Amino acid sequence: PSFTAQWPMQPRNPEGWGTPGAGASMQLQAWIAGPSPSSSYPYSFSASSSSPSPSSSSTSSSSSFDAPSTTTAIVVLANYGPDMGSGGFGTKWPGVHNVSISFSDLGIGAGMPYGAKTWSVRRVWGGGGHGGPDHTGPWDETQRLECMLGPGESV
């Protein structure tokens, strides 16, 4: 089965838009599928379990929560553009905006189940506009994902 069939995409509000981490309809939006306890989906971003597990201060296999060796998630950041009346979010802000969301607001921060201190990020689809080129990375992130996006752009 496909990754998002097992771990469906769920909306999360980025910073500065409603309650961060909540799922309300917003002009700027983050979406997450996963995290999964599997590394069999290479076109995503993933984290090794070098962070402490939720029930232990080390990643010892004797803890009550055995973190997988790799956790995988797919995240999409989007700027839907100004609401033209049917978007449900009511903002009409044109132009480029920074879409930023912390790993904690995505539910994958350090100390969370399947969370990590550092995530290895790969941009699979940048759209070529303000989102940047396709297929860049990997690079390490420790706090958040963010990208400058124009109306109708997503990464």
N, C-alpha and C. Protein backbone atom coordinates (compact mmCIF):
# COMPACT_ATOMS: atom_id res chain seq x y z
N PRO A 1 0.82 -1.19 0.00
CA PRO A 1 0.00 0.00 0.00
C PRO A 1 0.87 1.26 0.00
N SER A 2 0.32 2.33 -0.51
CA SER A 2 1.08 3.58 -0.53
C SER A 2 1.19 4.16 0.87
N PHE A 3 2.20 4.98 1.05
CA PHE A 3 2.47 5.56 2.37
C PHE A 3 1.27 6.33 2.90
N THR A 4 0.70 7.22 2.10
CA THR A 4 -0.41 8.05 2.59
C THR A 4 -1.71 7.27 2.74
N ALA A 5 -1.80 6.06 2.18
CA ALA A 5 -2.96 5.22 2.45
C ALA A 5 -2.88 4.66 3.87
N GLN A 6 -1.67 4.35 4.32
CA GLN A 6 -1.49 3.86 5.69
C GLN A 6 -1.48 4.99 6.70
N TRP A 7 -0.89 6.12 6.34
CA TRP A 7 -0.79 7.27 7.22
C TRP A 7 -1.34 8.49 6.48
N PRO A 8 -2.66 8.69 6.51
CA PRO A 8 -3.30 9.76 5.73
C PRO A 8 -2.79 11.15 6.09
N MET A 9 -2.81 12.05 5.11
CA MET A 9 -2.41 13.44 5.32
C MET A 9 -3.39 14.09 6.30
N GLN A 10 -2.85 14.88 7.22
CA GLN A 10 -3.64 15.62 8.19
C GLN A 10 -3.17 17.06 8.20
N PRO A 11 -4.10 18.04 8.21
CA PRO A 11 -3.68 19.44 8.21
C PRO A 11 -3.14 19.86 9.58
N ARG A 12 -2.19 20.78 9.55
CA ARG A 12 -1.65 21.39 10.76
C ARG A 12 -1.44 22.88 10.45
N ASN A 13 -1.88 23.75 11.36
CA ASN A 13 -1.68 25.18 11.15
C ASN A 13 -0.24 25.56 11.42
N PRO A 14 0.37 26.30 10.48
CA PRO A 14 1.74 26.77 10.72
C PRO A 14 1.74 27.94 11.70
N GLU A 15 2.92 28.38 12.08
CA GLU A 15 3.07 29.47 13.04
C GLU A 15 2.47 30.76 12.48
N GLY A 16 1.74 31.47 13.32
CA GLY A 16 1.15 32.74 12.93
C GLY A 16 -0.22 32.62 12.28
N TRP A 17 -0.74 31.38 12.16
CA TRP A 17 -2.01 31.16 11.49
C TRP A 17 -2.89 30.30 12.38
N GLY A 18 -3.76 30.93 13.14
CA GLY A 18 -4.61 30.18 14.06
C GLY A 18 -3.76 29.58 15.17
N THR A 19 -4.20 28.48 15.72
CA THR A 19 -3.46 27.78 16.76
C THR A 19 -2.45 26.86 16.09
N PRO A 20 -1.13 27.12 16.29
CA PRO A 20 -0.13 26.25 15.65
C PRO A 20 -0.37 24.78 15.99
N GLY A 21 -0.35 23.94 14.98
CA GLY A 21 -0.54 22.51 15.15
C GLY A 21 -1.99 22.08 15.03
N ALA A 22 -2.94 23.02 15.11
CA ALA A 22 -4.36 22.67 14.96
C ALA A 22 -4.66 22.44 13.48
N GLY A 23 -5.86 22.01 13.17
CA GLY A 23 -6.18 21.63 11.79
C GLY A 23 -7.20 22.52 11.10
N ALA A 24 -7.35 23.78 11.52
CA ALA A 24 -8.32 24.68 10.89
C ALA A 24 -7.90 25.06 9.48
N SER A 25 -8.88 25.37 8.64
CA SER A 25 -8.61 25.80 7.27
C SER A 25 -7.95 27.17 7.29
N MET A 26 -6.77 27.29 6.68
CA MET A 26 -6.01 28.54 6.66
C MET A 26 -5.40 28.75 5.28
N GLN A 27 -5.09 30.01 4.95
CA GLN A 27 -4.45 30.31 3.67
C GLN A 27 -3.08 29.65 3.58
N LEU A 28 -2.33 29.70 4.66
CA LEU A 28 -1.05 28.99 4.74
C LEU A 28 -1.30 27.73 5.55
N GLN A 29 -0.85 26.60 5.05
CA GLN A 29 -1.18 25.32 5.69
C GLN A 29 0.01 24.37 5.61
N ALA A 30 0.15 23.55 6.63
CA ALA A 30 1.09 22.43 6.61
C ALA A 30 0.26 21.15 6.69
N TRP A 31 0.73 20.11 6.02
CA TRP A 31 0.07 18.80 6.04
C TRP A 31 1.13 17.76 6.38
N ILE A 32 0.74 16.75 7.15
CA ILE A 32 1.68 15.68 7.49
C ILE A 32 1.00 14.32 7.31
N ALA A 33 1.73 13.40 6.72
CA ALA A 33 1.34 11.99 6.66
C ALA A 33 2.39 11.24 7.46
N GLY A 34 1.95 10.43 8.37
CA GLY A 34 2.88 9.72 9.24
C GLY A 34 2.91 10.40 10.60
N PRO A 35 3.90 10.15 11.38
CA PRO A 35 5.10 9.38 11.07
C PRO A 35 4.86 7.88 11.12
N SER A 36 5.67 7.18 10.37
CA SER A 36 5.60 5.73 10.36
C SER A 36 6.83 5.16 11.03
N PRO A 37 6.75 3.96 11.51
CA PRO A 37 7.93 3.32 12.08
C PRO A 37 8.73 2.56 11.04
N SER A 38 8.77 3.06 9.80
CA SER A 38 9.41 2.33 8.73
C SER A 38 10.29 3.26 7.91
N SER A 39 11.34 2.74 7.34
CA SER A 39 12.19 3.54 6.47
C SER A 39 12.05 3.11 5.02
N SER A 40 10.96 2.45 4.68
CA SER A 40 10.81 1.90 3.34
C SER A 40 10.23 2.91 2.34
N TYR A 41 10.10 4.17 2.73
CA TYR A 41 9.55 5.20 1.86
C TYR A 41 10.60 6.28 1.68
N PRO A 42 11.45 6.19 0.65
CA PRO A 42 12.62 7.06 0.54
C PRO A 42 12.29 8.50 0.16
N TYR A 43 11.12 8.81 -0.36
CA TYR A 43 10.84 10.16 -0.82
C TYR A 43 10.04 10.91 0.22
N SER A 44 10.67 11.19 1.33
CA SER A 44 10.04 11.86 2.46
C SER A 44 11.15 12.47 3.28
N PHE A 45 10.85 12.90 4.47
CA PHE A 45 11.93 13.25 5.36
C PHE A 45 11.89 12.30 6.53
N SER A 46 13.04 12.00 7.08
CA SER A 46 13.10 10.98 8.10
C SER A 46 14.08 11.36 9.18
N ALA A 47 13.97 10.68 10.30
CA ALA A 47 14.85 10.93 11.43
C ALA A 47 15.35 9.62 11.98
N SER A 48 16.63 9.58 12.31
CA SER A 48 17.11 8.40 13.01
C SER A 48 16.76 8.56 14.47
N SER A 49 16.69 7.48 15.17
CA SER A 49 16.26 7.53 16.56
C SER A 49 17.41 7.84 17.51
N SER A 50 18.18 8.89 17.18
CA SER A 50 19.28 9.28 18.03
C SER A 50 18.82 10.11 19.21
N SER A 51 17.53 10.48 19.23
CA SER A 51 17.00 11.24 20.35
C SER A 51 16.48 10.28 21.42
N PRO A 52 16.34 10.78 22.64
CA PRO A 52 15.80 9.90 23.68
C PRO A 52 14.38 9.47 23.37
N SER A 53 14.05 8.25 23.74
CA SER A 53 12.68 7.79 23.58
C SER A 53 11.82 8.44 24.65
N PRO A 54 10.49 8.46 24.48
CA PRO A 54 9.63 9.14 25.45
C PRO A 54 9.72 8.59 26.86
N SER A 55 10.09 7.33 27.04
CA SER A 55 10.10 6.75 28.38
C SER A 55 11.51 6.58 28.94
N SER A 56 12.51 7.11 28.26
CA SER A 56 13.87 6.87 28.70
C SER A 56 14.75 8.04 28.32
N SER A 57 15.85 8.24 29.02
CA SER A 57 16.76 9.31 28.68
C SER A 57 17.81 8.84 27.68
N SER A 58 17.75 7.62 27.25
CA SER A 58 18.64 7.12 26.22
C SER A 58 17.86 6.21 25.29
N THR A 59 18.46 5.88 24.17
CA THR A 59 17.76 5.01 23.21
C THR A 59 18.13 3.56 23.46
N SER A 60 17.98 3.12 24.65
CA SER A 60 18.26 1.74 25.01
C SER A 60 17.10 0.84 24.58
N SER A 61 17.42 -0.32 24.03
CA SER A 61 16.37 -1.23 23.59
C SER A 61 15.64 -1.86 24.78
N SER A 62 16.11 -1.63 26.00
CA SER A 62 15.44 -2.18 27.16
C SER A 62 14.34 -1.26 27.69
N SER A 63 14.15 -0.09 27.08
CA SER A 63 13.10 0.81 27.53
C SER A 63 11.73 0.26 27.14
N SER A 64 10.66 0.81 27.76
CA SER A 64 9.32 0.33 27.46
C SER A 64 8.85 0.77 26.08
N PHE A 65 9.51 1.75 25.48
CA PHE A 65 9.18 2.20 24.12
C PHE A 65 10.43 2.04 23.28
N ASP A 66 10.42 1.10 22.37
CA ASP A 66 11.58 0.88 21.51
C ASP A 66 11.38 1.68 20.23
N ALA A 67 12.10 2.80 20.11
CA ALA A 67 11.99 3.63 18.92
C ALA A 67 12.54 2.87 17.72
N PRO A 68 11.91 3.00 16.56
CA PRO A 68 12.43 2.33 15.37
C PRO A 68 13.74 2.96 14.96
N SER A 69 14.50 2.27 14.13
CA SER A 69 15.78 2.82 13.71
C SER A 69 15.59 4.03 12.82
N THR A 70 14.51 4.09 12.09
CA THR A 70 14.21 5.26 11.26
C THR A 70 12.71 5.50 11.26
N THR A 71 12.34 6.76 11.38
CA THR A 71 10.95 7.17 11.32
C THR A 71 10.75 8.00 10.06
N THR A 72 9.65 7.80 9.35
CA THR A 72 9.41 8.50 8.10
C THR A 72 8.10 9.27 8.16
N ALA A 73 8.11 10.46 7.58
CA ALA A 73 6.89 11.27 7.47
C ALA A 73 6.95 12.03 6.15
N ILE A 74 5.80 12.39 5.64
CA ILE A 74 5.73 13.26 4.45
C ILE A 74 5.04 14.54 4.89
N VAL A 75 5.65 15.68 4.59
CA VAL A 75 5.09 16.97 4.96
C VAL A 75 4.97 17.83 3.71
N VAL A 76 3.82 18.51 3.60
CA VAL A 76 3.59 19.47 2.51
C VAL A 76 3.33 20.82 3.16
N LEU A 77 4.02 21.87 2.68
CA LEU A 77 3.76 23.24 3.09
C LEU A 77 3.07 23.92 1.92
N ALA A 78 2.02 24.70 2.18
CA ALA A 78 1.25 25.29 1.09
C ALA A 78 0.83 26.73 1.39
N ASN A 79 0.79 27.55 0.33
CA ASN A 79 0.17 28.87 0.34
C ASN A 79 -0.95 28.79 -0.69
N TYR A 80 -2.19 28.70 -0.23
CA TYR A 80 -3.31 28.55 -1.15
C TYR A 80 -3.66 29.84 -1.87
N GLY A 81 -3.11 30.97 -1.42
CA GLY A 81 -3.43 32.25 -2.01
C GLY A 81 -4.68 32.84 -1.37
N PRO A 82 -5.03 34.08 -1.77
CA PRO A 82 -6.19 34.75 -1.18
C PRO A 82 -7.47 33.94 -1.36
N ASP A 83 -8.30 33.95 -0.31
CA ASP A 83 -9.60 33.27 -0.35
C ASP A 83 -10.52 34.05 -1.28
N MET A 84 -11.03 33.40 -2.31
CA MET A 84 -11.91 34.05 -3.27
C MET A 84 -13.38 33.78 -2.95
N GLY A 85 -13.66 33.39 -1.72
CA GLY A 85 -15.03 33.23 -1.29
C GLY A 85 -15.43 31.83 -0.91
N SER A 86 -14.70 30.81 -1.34
CA SER A 86 -15.11 29.44 -1.02
C SER A 86 -14.01 28.65 -0.31
N GLY A 87 -12.92 29.30 0.06
CA GLY A 87 -11.82 28.59 0.71
C GLY A 87 -12.07 28.29 2.17
N GLY A 88 -12.95 29.07 2.80
CA GLY A 88 -13.27 28.83 4.19
C GLY A 88 -12.35 29.51 5.19
N PHE A 89 -11.28 30.17 4.71
CA PHE A 89 -10.37 30.78 5.66
C PHE A 89 -10.48 32.30 5.69
N GLY A 90 -11.05 32.94 4.67
CA GLY A 90 -11.40 34.35 4.72
C GLY A 90 -10.28 35.36 4.55
N THR A 91 -9.01 34.95 4.49
CA THR A 91 -7.93 35.93 4.31
C THR A 91 -7.73 36.21 2.83
N LYS A 92 -7.29 37.41 2.54
CA LYS A 92 -7.07 37.82 1.15
C LYS A 92 -5.67 38.43 1.01
N TRP A 93 -4.68 37.79 1.61
CA TRP A 93 -3.32 38.30 1.59
C TRP A 93 -2.60 37.82 0.34
N PRO A 94 -2.35 38.72 -0.61
CA PRO A 94 -1.61 38.33 -1.81
C PRO A 94 -0.11 38.25 -1.51
N GLY A 95 0.63 37.73 -2.45
CA GLY A 95 2.08 37.75 -2.35
C GLY A 95 2.68 36.52 -1.70
N VAL A 96 3.99 36.65 -1.49
CA VAL A 96 4.81 35.57 -0.95
C VAL A 96 4.78 35.63 0.58
N HIS A 97 4.62 34.46 1.22
CA HIS A 97 4.61 34.37 2.67
C HIS A 97 5.50 33.23 3.13
N ASN A 98 6.07 33.39 4.32
CA ASN A 98 6.87 32.33 4.92
C ASN A 98 5.92 31.35 5.60
N VAL A 99 5.95 30.09 5.17
CA VAL A 99 5.16 29.03 5.81
C VAL A 99 6.14 28.29 6.70
N SER A 100 5.92 28.35 8.02
CA SER A 100 6.85 27.79 8.99
C SER A 100 6.08 27.01 10.04
N ILE A 101 6.54 25.79 10.33
CA ILE A 101 5.91 24.99 11.38
C ILE A 101 7.00 24.19 12.11
N SER A 102 6.88 24.16 13.43
CA SER A 102 7.86 23.43 14.23
C SER A 102 7.57 21.93 14.17
N PHE A 103 8.60 21.14 14.43
CA PHE A 103 8.41 19.69 14.48
C PHE A 103 7.44 19.33 15.60
N SER A 104 7.48 20.07 16.71
CA SER A 104 6.54 19.80 17.81
C SER A 104 5.10 20.03 17.37
N ASP A 105 4.84 21.12 16.62
CA ASP A 105 3.48 21.39 16.14
C ASP A 105 3.03 20.35 15.11
N LEU A 106 3.99 19.72 14.43
CA LEU A 106 3.66 18.62 13.52
C LEU A 106 3.43 17.31 14.28
N GLY A 107 3.82 17.29 15.55
CA GLY A 107 3.66 16.08 16.36
C GLY A 107 4.85 15.15 16.28
N ILE A 108 5.99 15.65 15.79
CA ILE A 108 7.16 14.79 15.60
C ILE A 108 8.41 15.37 16.25
N GLY A 109 8.23 16.24 17.24
CA GLY A 109 9.36 16.85 17.92
C GLY A 109 10.08 15.88 18.84
N ALA A 110 11.24 16.29 19.31
CA ALA A 110 12.03 15.47 20.23
C ALA A 110 11.19 15.14 21.46
N GLY A 111 11.26 13.90 21.91
CA GLY A 111 10.54 13.45 23.09
C GLY A 111 9.13 12.94 22.80
N MET A 112 8.67 13.09 21.55
CA MET A 112 7.35 12.58 21.17
C MET A 112 7.52 11.19 20.57
N PRO A 113 6.48 10.33 20.64
CA PRO A 113 6.60 9.04 19.96
C PRO A 113 6.94 9.24 18.49
N TYR A 114 7.94 8.58 18.03
CA TYR A 114 8.46 8.69 16.66
C TYR A 114 9.02 10.07 16.35
N GLY A 115 9.24 10.87 17.36
CA GLY A 115 9.87 12.18 17.18
C GLY A 115 11.38 12.03 17.25
N ALA A 116 12.08 13.11 16.95
CA ALA A 116 13.54 13.08 17.00
C ALA A 116 14.08 14.48 17.17
N LYS A 117 15.33 14.58 17.63
CA LYS A 117 15.99 15.87 17.77
C LYS A 117 16.36 16.43 16.40
N THR A 118 16.71 15.56 15.47
CA THR A 118 17.15 15.99 14.14
C THR A 118 16.43 15.17 13.08
N TRP A 119 15.95 15.86 12.06
CA TRP A 119 15.30 15.20 10.92
C TRP A 119 16.13 15.45 9.68
N SER A 120 16.31 14.42 8.89
CA SER A 120 16.98 14.53 7.60
C SER A 120 15.89 14.85 6.57
N VAL A 121 15.98 16.02 5.96
CA VAL A 121 14.92 16.53 5.08
C VAL A 121 15.36 16.46 3.63
N ARG A 122 14.43 16.06 2.77
CA ARG A 122 14.67 16.05 1.32
C ARG A 122 13.47 16.72 0.66
N ARG A 123 13.75 17.76 -0.13
CA ARG A 123 12.68 18.42 -0.88
C ARG A 123 12.45 17.61 -2.15
N VAL A 124 11.31 16.96 -2.22
CA VAL A 124 10.98 16.13 -3.36
C VAL A 124 10.35 16.98 -4.46
N TRP A 125 9.46 17.86 -4.04
CA TRP A 125 8.73 18.67 -5.01
C TRP A 125 8.79 20.12 -4.54
N GLY A 126 9.55 20.94 -5.22
CA GLY A 126 9.67 22.35 -4.85
C GLY A 126 8.83 23.24 -5.73
N GLY A 127 8.35 22.73 -6.83
CA GLY A 127 7.49 23.51 -7.70
C GLY A 127 8.24 24.48 -8.60
N GLY A 128 9.53 24.72 -8.33
CA GLY A 128 10.33 25.57 -9.18
C GLY A 128 10.13 27.06 -8.98
N GLY A 129 9.11 27.49 -8.25
CA GLY A 129 8.88 28.91 -7.99
C GLY A 129 9.61 29.34 -6.74
N HIS A 130 8.90 30.01 -5.84
CA HIS A 130 9.50 30.44 -4.58
C HIS A 130 9.86 29.25 -3.70
N GLY A 131 9.23 28.09 -3.95
CA GLY A 131 9.49 26.89 -3.15
C GLY A 131 10.83 26.25 -3.42
N GLY A 132 11.52 26.67 -4.48
CA GLY A 132 12.83 26.13 -4.79
C GLY A 132 12.75 24.97 -5.77
N PRO A 133 13.90 24.44 -6.12
CA PRO A 133 13.94 23.35 -7.10
C PRO A 133 13.47 22.01 -6.51
N ASP A 134 13.13 21.11 -7.40
CA ASP A 134 12.76 19.76 -7.00
C ASP A 134 14.01 18.96 -6.64
N HIS A 135 13.83 17.91 -5.85
CA HIS A 135 14.85 16.90 -5.55
C HIS A 135 16.13 17.50 -4.98
N THR A 136 16.01 18.31 -3.93
CA THR A 136 17.19 18.83 -3.25
C THR A 136 17.31 18.19 -1.88
N GLY A 137 18.50 18.19 -1.36
CA GLY A 137 18.74 17.60 -0.04
C GLY A 137 19.45 16.26 -0.20
N PRO A 138 19.62 15.56 0.85
CA PRO A 138 19.06 15.84 2.17
C PRO A 138 19.88 16.84 2.96
N TRP A 139 19.24 17.49 3.92
CA TRP A 139 19.90 18.33 4.89
C TRP A 139 19.23 18.09 6.23
N ASP A 140 19.91 18.45 7.31
CA ASP A 140 19.38 18.21 8.65
C ASP A 140 18.67 19.44 9.19
N GLU A 141 17.55 19.23 9.84
CA GLU A 141 16.80 20.28 10.52
C GLU A 141 16.55 19.82 11.95
N THR A 142 16.59 20.75 12.89
CA THR A 142 16.40 20.40 14.29
C THR A 142 15.14 21.00 14.91
N GLN A 143 14.55 22.03 14.29
CA GLN A 143 13.45 22.73 14.93
C GLN A 143 12.18 22.80 14.10
N ARG A 144 12.32 23.09 12.80
CA ARG A 144 11.14 23.40 12.01
C ARG A 144 11.38 23.20 10.52
N LEU A 145 10.28 23.22 9.79
CA LEU A 145 10.32 23.28 8.33
C LEU A 145 9.73 24.63 7.95
N GLU A 146 10.34 25.29 6.98
CA GLU A 146 9.80 26.56 6.51
C GLU A 146 10.24 26.83 5.09
N CYS A 147 9.39 27.63 4.41
CA CYS A 147 9.68 27.94 3.02
C CYS A 147 8.88 29.18 2.64
N MET A 148 9.47 30.05 1.82
CA MET A 148 8.76 31.20 1.26
C MET A 148 7.96 30.69 0.08
N LEU A 149 6.64 30.92 0.10
CA LEU A 149 5.76 30.42 -0.95
C LEU A 149 4.82 31.50 -1.45
N GLY A 150 4.67 31.59 -2.76
CA GLY A 150 3.71 32.51 -3.37
C GLY A 150 2.34 31.85 -3.46
N PRO A 151 1.33 32.62 -3.86
CA PRO A 151 -0.03 32.07 -3.99
C PRO A 151 -0.06 30.85 -4.91
N GLY A 152 -0.68 29.79 -4.44
CA GLY A 152 -0.80 28.56 -5.23
C GLY A 152 0.43 27.68 -5.22
N GLU A 153 1.45 28.03 -4.45
CA GLU A 153 2.67 27.21 -4.41
C GLU A 153 2.67 26.29 -3.19
N SER A 154 3.33 25.16 -3.34
CA SER A 154 3.51 24.22 -2.22
C SER A 154 4.81 23.46 -2.41
N VAL A 155 5.35 22.97 -1.31
CA VAL A 155 6.56 22.13 -1.35
C VAL A 155 6.34 20.94 -0.46
